[in-house]
Amino acid sequence: MQKKTIRDIDVTGKKVFVRVDFNVPFNEAGQITDDTRIRAALPTVEDLIGRGARVILASHLGRPKGRVVDDMRLKPVADRLAELLGSTVIYADDCIGPRAEEAASALNDGDVLLLENLRFHADEEKNDPSFSAQLAALADIYVNDAFGTAHRAHASTEGITHHLPSVAGLLMEKELQALGELLTSPSRPFACVFGGAKVSDKVGMIRNMLQRVDIVLVGGGLAATFLKARGLDVGESLVETEMLEEARAIMAESERSGVPVVLPIDVLVAQQVKPGVRARVVQSTNVPAGSGIVDIGPKSIEHYFSKLESCKTVMWNGPMGVYEIPQFSMGTRCLINYIAATDARSVIGGGSSVDAVQEMGLADLVTHVSTGGGATLELLERGTLPGVEALEDL
């Protein structure tokens, strides 16, 4: 995945179309509640400004399904970006057509333009060739800095690359280096910790990483399906019945390869998944009828720590319990604290995992926190992404 980046091209005086991921959350008052994704794009934007590029930024926001939705306009993002840059950000209320063309043509060296929500046009997600060509006509060079959307072959991530020289931004480069190292040259021993709700979301990644790691630790809702696949009664726990055979196949592969798949030895259970309910710790072999697993237990936490102690690389994806409810978040919090304190190279990916690390204020103590979500999962499953393949090789 050695791709050209903005460092490898001359951008002075050039109009540079940068696909960014500004899909940020808003509250009911229309205010941005987390500007992490905007901040993540700053190194690329500032580098291009500093070298005299005429920067044209494009992003999606939400799921407008090909129609204009006023609550999903990018004007508040333009305002926040201007605050972070300490300079003016021009805003165009469309991403193609006369208004976008006029705004792009009027740019001077070092100017920044943010186009309107790409997904106001259905042709964006259809990867329509005509729409791709209209986007490309705005610029001289294309840069993909939106790793979180690189698993989608859309007009602004794949189609546009057929018309312009296409390279990676600095955030994209950082993601590819960190995740690529996990696939090609991790320091060993190498552990993967998988949590979250569904095996179906992660079965491909688990299968792929099982061939590359030294140990796999499982928690969250995934653990219930794996425990059930081992023949244990898990009460009312969330189980993907259709994934039981997949879970058994993964454990069979674990036996053949000698790479352990470690499941919780004790779990926290409750009769309802809501705040304030009574919860208790039981052995994973003794989940009572009428209760479901909501977190890993204290013995499991200590057991997982002992398995991670000698590891030089740790990749974690997915919380260990129902993290959103504080009384069911102990396993996740303990794991984050442990990973943040270790000397191992640590990579955290997946929306809930990233949210948890940031909420605890420990992101700076982790080697790499991926911005990708689904893109992270797909890259670790398949080793590449459509939006990455489309960029020029070194």
Protein backbone atom coordinates (compact mmCIF):
# COMPACT_ATOMS: atom_id res chain seq x y z
CA MET A 1 0.00 0.00 0.00
CA GLN A 2 2.84 2.36 -0.86
CA LYS A 3 0.94 5.31 -2.35
CA LYS A 4 2.04 8.74 -3.49
CA THR A 5 1.11 11.53 -1.10
CA ILE A 6 0.88 15.30 -1.26
CA ARG A 7 4.61 15.34 -0.44
CA ASP A 8 5.33 13.82 -3.85
CA ILE A 9 3.64 16.50 -5.99
CA ASP A 10 4.00 20.19 -6.74
CA VAL A 11 0.81 21.96 -5.66
CA THR A 12 1.84 25.62 -5.92
CA GLY A 13 -0.83 27.57 -7.77
CA LYS A 14 -2.78 24.37 -8.45
CA LYS A 15 -6.42 23.76 -7.60
CA VAL A 16 -6.37 20.71 -5.33
CA PHE A 17 -9.61 18.79 -4.71
CA VAL A 18 -9.34 17.17 -1.29
CA ARG A 19 -11.88 14.54 -0.23
CA VAL A 20 -12.15 14.89 3.55
CA ASP A 21 -14.40 13.24 6.10
CA PHE A 22 -16.30 16.02 7.85
CA ASN A 23 -19.22 13.77 8.80
CA VAL A 24 -19.37 15.24 12.31
CA PRO A 25 -22.15 14.95 14.91
CA PHE A 26 -24.53 17.82 15.67
CA ASN A 27 -26.87 18.49 18.58
CA GLU A 28 -30.50 19.58 18.26
CA ALA A 29 -29.41 23.22 18.22
CA GLY A 30 -27.34 22.61 15.09
CA GLN A 31 -24.00 22.85 16.90
CA ILE A 32 -21.07 20.52 16.24
CA THR A 33 -20.56 18.31 19.29
CA ASP A 34 -17.28 16.68 18.24
CA ASP A 35 -14.85 18.27 15.78
CA THR A 36 -12.31 15.42 15.86
CA ARG A 37 -12.72 14.66 12.16
CA ILE A 38 -12.23 18.30 11.21
CA ARG A 39 -9.08 18.50 13.30
CA ALA A 40 -7.80 15.28 11.75
CA ALA A 41 -7.77 16.96 8.32
CA LEU A 42 -5.82 20.02 9.47
CA PRO A 43 -2.30 18.69 8.74
CA THR A 44 -3.18 18.09 5.08
CA VAL A 45 -5.05 21.37 4.66
CA GLU A 46 -2.33 23.40 6.37
CA ASP A 47 0.41 21.73 4.33
CA LEU A 48 -1.38 22.56 1.08
CA ILE A 49 -2.07 26.15 2.15
CA GLY A 50 1.56 26.57 3.15
CA ARG A 51 2.70 25.50 -0.31
CA GLY A 52 0.39 27.88 -2.13
CA ALA A 53 -2.29 25.43 -3.28
CA ARG A 54 -5.85 26.52 -3.98
CA VAL A 55 -7.65 24.07 -1.73
CA ILE A 56 -11.11 22.70 -2.58
CA LEU A 57 -12.54 20.52 0.20
CA ALA A 58 -15.43 18.10 -0.32
CA SER A 59 -17.25 15.88 2.16
CA HIS A 60 -20.53 14.18 2.88
CA LEU A 61 -22.59 14.74 6.02
CA GLY A 62 -25.22 12.28 7.20
CA ARG A 63 -27.48 10.36 4.85
CA PRO A 64 -29.55 12.82 2.83
CA LYS A 65 -30.21 10.14 0.18
CA GLY A 66 -29.66 12.34 -2.85
CA ARG A 67 -31.75 15.32 -1.82
CA VAL A 68 -31.03 18.66 -0.17
CA VAL A 69 -31.58 18.54 3.59
CA ASP A 70 -30.99 21.88 5.30
CA ASP A 71 -29.93 20.25 8.58
CA MET A 72 -27.13 18.49 6.69
CA ARG A 73 -25.57 21.53 5.07
CA LEU A 74 -21.84 22.00 5.63
CA LYS A 75 -21.88 25.74 6.44
CA PRO A 76 -21.36 25.13 10.21
CA VAL A 77 -18.40 22.92 9.33
CA ALA A 78 -16.92 25.68 7.19
CA ASP A 79 -17.28 28.09 10.11
CA ARG A 80 -15.61 25.69 12.54
CA LEU A 81 -12.79 24.95 10.10
CA ALA A 82 -12.19 28.69 9.71
CA GLU A 83 -11.87 28.99 13.51
CA LEU A 84 -9.35 26.13 13.63
CA LEU A 85 -7.31 27.49 10.71
CA GLY A 86 -7.51 31.08 11.90
CA SER A 87 -8.37 32.19 8.37
CA THR A 88 -11.30 32.50 6.00
CA VAL A 89 -12.95 29.40 4.56
CA ILE A 90 -15.09 30.09 1.50
CA TYR A 91 -18.34 28.12 1.33
CA ALA A 92 -20.20 27.10 -1.82
CA ASP A 93 -23.80 25.94 -1.46
CA ASP A 94 -23.35 23.19 -4.07
CA CYS A 95 -20.55 20.81 -5.02
CA ILE A 96 -21.05 20.96 -8.81
CA GLY A 97 -22.62 23.43 -11.21
CA PRO A 98 -22.18 27.18 -11.71
CA ARG A 99 -21.83 28.21 -8.05
CA ALA A 100 -19.15 25.61 -7.32
CA GLU A 101 -17.36 26.39 -10.58
CA GLU A 102 -17.35 30.14 -9.93
CA ALA A 103 -16.07 29.69 -6.37
CA ALA A 104 -13.28 27.35 -7.51
CA SER A 105 -12.25 29.63 -10.39
CA ALA A 106 -12.01 32.65 -8.08
CA LEU A 107 -9.57 31.01 -5.65
CA ASN A 108 -6.15 32.53 -5.05
CA ASP A 109 -3.04 30.71 -3.83
CA GLY A 110 -3.57 29.62 -0.21
CA ASP A 111 -7.36 29.99 -0.28
CA VAL A 112 -9.67 27.29 1.08
CA LEU A 113 -13.10 26.46 -0.33
CA LEU A 114 -15.56 23.98 1.21
CA LEU A 115 -18.15 22.58 -1.19
CA GLU A 116 -21.68 21.61 -0.15
CA ASN A 117 -22.61 18.08 0.96
CA LEU A 118 -21.68 15.62 -1.80
CA ARG A 119 -24.56 13.32 -0.94
CA PHE A 120 -27.15 15.95 -1.80
CA HIS A 121 -26.59 14.39 -5.25
CA ALA A 122 -27.62 10.73 -5.63
CA ASP A 123 -24.93 10.35 -8.31
CA GLU A 124 -22.21 10.59 -5.64
CA GLU A 125 -23.00 7.20 -4.11
CA LYS A 126 -23.80 5.74 -7.55
CA ASN A 127 -20.27 6.65 -8.67
CA ASP A 128 -21.82 8.20 -11.76
CA PRO A 129 -19.14 8.96 -14.41
CA SER A 130 -20.70 12.30 -15.37
CA PHE A 131 -20.85 13.45 -11.76
CA SER A 132 -17.24 12.32 -11.22
CA ALA A 133 -16.19 14.34 -14.26
CA GLN A 134 -17.97 17.45 -12.97
CA LEU A 135 -16.15 17.19 -9.64
CA ALA A 136 -12.83 16.66 -11.40
CA ALA A 137 -13.40 19.69 -13.63
CA LEU A 138 -13.06 21.93 -10.57
CA ALA A 139 -9.43 21.03 -9.94
CA ASP A 140 -5.98 20.05 -11.25
CA ILE A 141 -5.08 17.44 -8.63
CA TYR A 142 -7.06 15.04 -6.46
CA VAL A 143 -6.18 14.15 -2.85
CA ASN A 144 -8.00 11.53 -0.77
CA ASP A 145 -7.67 12.27 2.92
CA ALA A 146 -10.96 10.61 3.92
CA PHE A 147 -9.88 7.18 5.11
CA GLY A 148 -13.27 6.64 6.73
CA THR A 149 -14.96 6.59 3.30
CA ALA A 150 -12.21 4.82 1.34
CA HIS A 151 -14.08 1.51 1.49
CA ARG A 152 -16.80 3.04 -0.71
CA ALA A 153 -16.32 3.29 -4.49
CA HIS A 154 -18.15 6.61 -4.79
CA ALA A 155 -17.68 9.43 -7.28
CA SER A 156 -15.56 11.48 -4.86
CA THR A 157 -13.44 8.53 -3.70
CA GLU A 158 -12.95 6.43 -6.86
CA GLY A 159 -14.63 7.92 -9.92
CA ILE A 160 -12.77 11.23 -9.77
CA THR A 161 -9.41 9.46 -9.85
CA HIS A 162 -10.00 8.53 -13.50
CA HIS A 163 -9.72 12.21 -14.42
CA LEU A 164 -6.97 13.70 -12.23
CA PRO A 165 -3.54 12.84 -10.80
CA SER A 166 -4.53 11.24 -7.48
CA VAL A 167 -2.56 10.97 -4.25
CA ALA A 168 -3.08 10.43 -0.53
CA GLY A 169 -3.36 13.10 2.13
CA LEU A 170 -1.41 12.99 5.37
CA LEU A 171 -4.24 11.44 7.39
CA MET A 172 -4.72 8.74 4.76
CA GLU A 173 -0.97 8.11 4.80
CA LYS A 174 -0.98 7.81 8.59
CA GLU A 175 -3.85 5.31 8.55
CA LEU A 176 -2.28 3.18 5.82
CA GLN A 177 1.05 3.07 7.61
CA ALA A 178 -0.42 2.13 10.99
CA LEU A 179 -2.87 -0.48 9.74
CA GLY A 180 -0.56 -1.75 7.01
CA GLU A 181 2.07 -2.50 9.63
CA LEU A 182 -0.42 -4.73 11.44
CA LEU A 183 -0.88 -6.74 8.24
CA THR A 184 2.77 -6.94 7.17
CA SER A 185 5.30 -6.39 9.94
CA PRO A 186 3.92 -6.23 13.51
CA SER A 187 6.27 -6.55 16.46
CA ARG A 188 5.55 -9.85 18.21
CA PRO A 189 3.88 -11.19 20.22
CA PHE A 190 0.86 -9.62 18.53
CA ALA A 191 -2.59 -9.70 20.15
CA CYS A 192 -5.98 -8.77 18.73
CA VAL A 193 -8.85 -7.91 21.09
CA PHE A 194 -12.30 -8.08 19.54
CA GLY A 195 -15.52 -6.83 21.13
CA GLY A 196 -18.70 -5.14 20.05
CA ALA A 197 -22.10 -6.53 19.36
CA LYS A 198 -21.98 -8.69 16.25
CA VAL A 199 -19.81 -11.48 14.87
CA SER A 200 -21.30 -10.83 11.43
CA ASP A 201 -19.70 -7.37 11.30
CA LYS A 202 -16.24 -8.73 12.04
CA VAL A 203 -16.04 -12.35 10.93
CA GLY A 204 -13.91 -11.54 7.88
CA MET A 205 -11.50 -9.43 9.91
CA ILE A 206 -11.26 -12.07 12.66
CA ARG A 207 -10.55 -14.80 10.13
CA ASN A 208 -7.87 -12.70 8.41
CA MET A 209 -6.19 -11.55 11.59
CA LEU A 210 -6.22 -15.06 13.06
CA GLN A 211 -3.63 -15.93 10.42
CA ARG A 212 -1.42 -13.00 11.46
CA VAL A 213 -1.55 -12.79 15.26
CA ASP A 214 -0.34 -14.79 18.23
CA ILE A 215 -3.47 -14.56 20.36
CA VAL A 216 -7.09 -13.39 20.04
CA LEU A 217 -9.12 -12.15 23.01
CA VAL A 218 -12.90 -11.91 22.66
CA GLY A 219 -15.40 -9.83 24.66
CA GLY A 220 -18.60 -7.87 24.15
CA GLY A 221 -21.58 -9.35 22.35
CA LEU A 222 -19.20 -11.42 20.22
CA ALA A 223 -18.30 -13.43 23.32
CA ALA A 224 -21.90 -14.59 23.81
CA THR A 225 -22.05 -16.04 20.30
CA PHE A 226 -18.68 -17.77 20.76
CA LEU A 227 -19.68 -19.14 24.17
CA LYS A 228 -22.93 -20.43 22.69
CA ALA A 229 -20.95 -22.02 19.85
CA ARG A 230 -18.96 -23.91 22.48
CA GLY A 231 -22.18 -25.36 23.79
CA LEU A 232 -22.68 -23.10 26.80
CA ASP A 233 -26.02 -21.66 27.88
CA VAL A 234 -25.83 -17.86 27.68
CA GLY A 235 -29.35 -17.09 28.88
CA GLU A 236 -30.90 -14.07 27.20
CA SER A 237 -27.61 -12.75 25.80
CA LEU A 238 -27.56 -11.36 22.29
CA VAL A 239 -26.57 -14.30 20.08
CA GLU A 240 -26.34 -14.33 16.30
CA THR A 241 -27.70 -17.79 15.72
CA GLU A 242 -26.84 -17.66 12.03
CA MET A 243 -23.18 -17.03 12.95
CA LEU A 244 -22.73 -20.01 15.28
CA GLU A 245 -21.18 -22.14 12.55
CA GLU A 246 -18.80 -19.30 11.66
CA ALA A 247 -17.79 -19.04 15.31
CA ARG A 248 -17.19 -22.80 15.46
CA ALA A 249 -15.12 -22.61 12.27
CA ILE A 250 -12.97 -19.84 13.74
CA MET A 251 -12.38 -21.86 16.90
CA ALA A 252 -11.53 -24.93 14.80
CA GLU A 253 -9.01 -22.85 12.86
CA SER A 254 -7.63 -21.67 16.20
CA GLU A 255 -7.08 -25.29 17.21
CA ARG A 256 -5.33 -26.11 13.93
CA SER A 257 -3.12 -23.04 13.90
CA GLY A 258 -2.28 -23.01 17.58
CA VAL A 259 -3.39 -19.37 17.89
CA PRO A 260 -5.60 -19.26 21.02
CA VAL A 261 -9.04 -17.64 20.91
CA VAL A 262 -9.58 -16.65 24.53
CA LEU A 263 -13.13 -16.21 25.84
CA PRO A 264 -14.28 -14.69 29.15
CA ILE A 265 -14.08 -16.93 32.20
CA ASP A 266 -16.57 -14.77 34.10
CA VAL A 267 -19.15 -12.22 32.97
CA LEU A 268 -21.46 -9.54 34.31
CA VAL A 269 -25.11 -10.40 33.74
CA ALA A 270 -28.38 -8.49 34.12
CA GLN A 271 -32.02 -9.19 33.37
CA GLN A 272 -32.39 -5.94 31.43
CA VAL A 273 -29.95 -3.80 29.46
CA LYS A 274 -30.72 -0.42 31.00
CA PRO A 275 -29.25 1.84 33.69
CA GLY A 276 -29.93 1.07 37.33
CA VAL A 277 -30.79 -2.61 37.01
CA ARG A 278 -29.25 -5.16 39.36
CA ALA A 279 -26.23 -6.90 37.86
CA ARG A 280 -23.98 -9.64 39.18
CA VAL A 281 -20.85 -11.53 38.21
CA VAL A 282 -21.13 -15.23 37.32
CA GLN A 283 -18.88 -17.79 35.73
CA SER A 284 -19.30 -17.88 31.97
CA THR A 285 -20.30 -21.51 32.35
CA ASN A 286 -23.16 -20.52 34.66
CA VAL A 287 -25.16 -17.73 33.02
CA PRO A 288 -28.63 -17.91 34.59
CA ALA A 289 -31.81 -18.22 32.59
CA GLY A 290 -33.53 -14.87 32.13
CA SER A 291 -30.27 -12.88 32.27
CA GLY A 292 -27.91 -11.71 29.56
CA ILE A 293 -24.20 -10.90 29.40
CA VAL A 294 -23.52 -7.15 29.60
CA ASP A 295 -19.75 -7.07 30.29
CA ILE A 296 -16.76 -9.25 30.98
CA GLY A 297 -16.08 -9.99 34.67
CA PRO A 298 -13.14 -9.10 36.95
CA LYS A 299 -11.40 -12.48 36.57
CA SER A 300 -11.63 -12.14 32.80
CA ILE A 301 -10.14 -8.66 32.98
CA GLU A 302 -7.17 -9.92 34.98
CA HIS A 303 -6.84 -12.95 32.69
CA TYR A 304 -6.77 -10.73 29.60
CA PHE A 305 -4.18 -8.48 31.21
CA SER A 306 -1.96 -11.52 31.81
CA LYS A 307 -2.26 -12.49 28.14
CA LEU A 308 -1.41 -8.97 26.97
CA GLU A 309 1.50 -8.49 29.36
CA SER A 310 4.18 -9.85 27.02
CA CYS A 311 2.69 -8.48 23.79
CA LYS A 312 4.54 -5.88 21.75
CA THR A 313 1.61 -5.08 19.47
CA VAL A 314 -2.05 -4.82 20.49
CA MET A 315 -4.96 -4.13 18.15
CA TRP A 316 -8.36 -3.53 19.76
CA ASN A 317 -11.72 -3.24 18.04
CA GLY A 318 -15.01 -3.12 19.94
CA PRO A 319 -16.00 -2.59 23.60
CA MET A 320 -16.03 -5.40 26.12
CA GLY A 321 -19.57 -4.69 27.28
CA VAL A 322 -22.47 -2.30 26.87
CA TYR A 323 -20.12 0.63 27.27
CA GLU A 324 -22.81 3.30 26.89
CA ILE A 325 -24.25 2.30 30.28
CA PRO A 326 -21.67 3.20 32.96
CA GLN A 327 -22.31 0.20 35.21
CA PHE A 328 -21.60 -2.11 32.25
CA SER A 329 -18.42 -0.31 31.13
CA MET A 330 -15.83 -1.64 33.58
CA GLY A 331 -14.30 -4.17 31.20
CA THR A 332 -13.88 -1.59 28.45
CA ARG A 333 -12.48 1.06 30.79
CA CYS A 334 -10.00 -1.31 32.38
CA LEU A 335 -8.82 -2.48 28.97
CA ILE A 336 -8.33 1.08 27.73
CA ASN A 337 -6.37 2.01 30.84
CA TYR A 338 -4.18 -1.06 30.41
CA ILE A 339 -3.51 -0.45 26.72
CA ALA A 340 -2.76 3.23 27.36
CA ALA A 341 -0.23 2.32 30.06
CA THR A 342 1.59 -0.41 28.16
CA ASP A 343 4.75 0.05 26.11
CA ALA A 344 3.29 -2.06 23.30
CA ARG A 345 2.45 -0.51 19.94
CA SER A 346 -1.30 -0.04 20.23
CA VAL A 347 -3.87 0.47 17.48
CA ILE A 348 -7.53 1.13 18.25
CA GLY A 349 -10.19 1.07 15.56
CA GLY A 350 -13.96 1.04 15.32
CA GLY A 351 -16.45 3.74 16.22
CA SER A 352 -17.36 2.66 19.76
CA SER A 353 -13.76 1.86 20.68
CA VAL A 354 -12.58 5.25 19.45
CA ASP A 355 -15.41 7.01 21.28
CA ALA A 356 -14.49 5.27 24.52
CA VAL A 357 -10.80 6.14 24.29
CA GLN A 358 -11.54 9.77 23.50
CA GLU A 359 -14.17 10.04 26.23
CA MET A 360 -11.60 8.81 28.75
CA GLY A 361 -9.04 11.35 27.50
CA LEU A 362 -6.44 8.68 26.72
CA ALA A 363 -6.21 8.90 22.92
CA ASP A 364 -2.79 10.59 23.13
CA LEU A 365 -1.41 7.59 25.04
CA VAL A 366 -2.35 5.15 22.27
CA THR A 367 -0.01 4.71 19.30
CA HIS A 368 -2.77 5.07 16.72
CA VAL A 369 -6.50 5.71 16.95
CA SER A 370 -8.07 4.92 13.58
CA THR A 371 -10.64 7.28 12.12
CA GLY A 372 -12.01 4.58 9.87
CA GLY A 373 -14.83 2.58 11.41
CA GLY A 374 -16.05 0.37 8.56
CA ALA A 375 -12.99 1.23 6.48
CA THR A 376 -10.71 -0.05 9.24
CA LEU A 377 -12.61 -3.33 9.43
CA GLU A 378 -12.55 -3.81 5.68
CA LEU A 379 -8.86 -2.97 5.32
CA LEU A 380 -7.95 -5.48 8.04
CA GLU A 381 -10.19 -8.05 6.35
CA ARG A 382 -9.18 -7.56 2.72
CA GLY A 383 -5.86 -5.75 2.87
CA THR A 384 -6.99 -2.94 0.57
CA LEU A 385 -9.85 -0.53 -0.16
CA PRO A 386 -11.34 0.84 -3.42
CA GLY A 387 -10.45 4.42 -2.51
CA VAL A 388 -6.88 3.39 -1.76
CA GLU A 389 -6.36 1.23 -4.84
CA ALA A 390 -7.42 4.19 -7.00
CA LEU A 391 -4.48 6.33 -5.81
CA GLU A 392 -1.14 6.42 -7.61
CA ASP A 393 1.56 4.03 -6.44
CA LEU A 394 4.97 5.24 -5.40
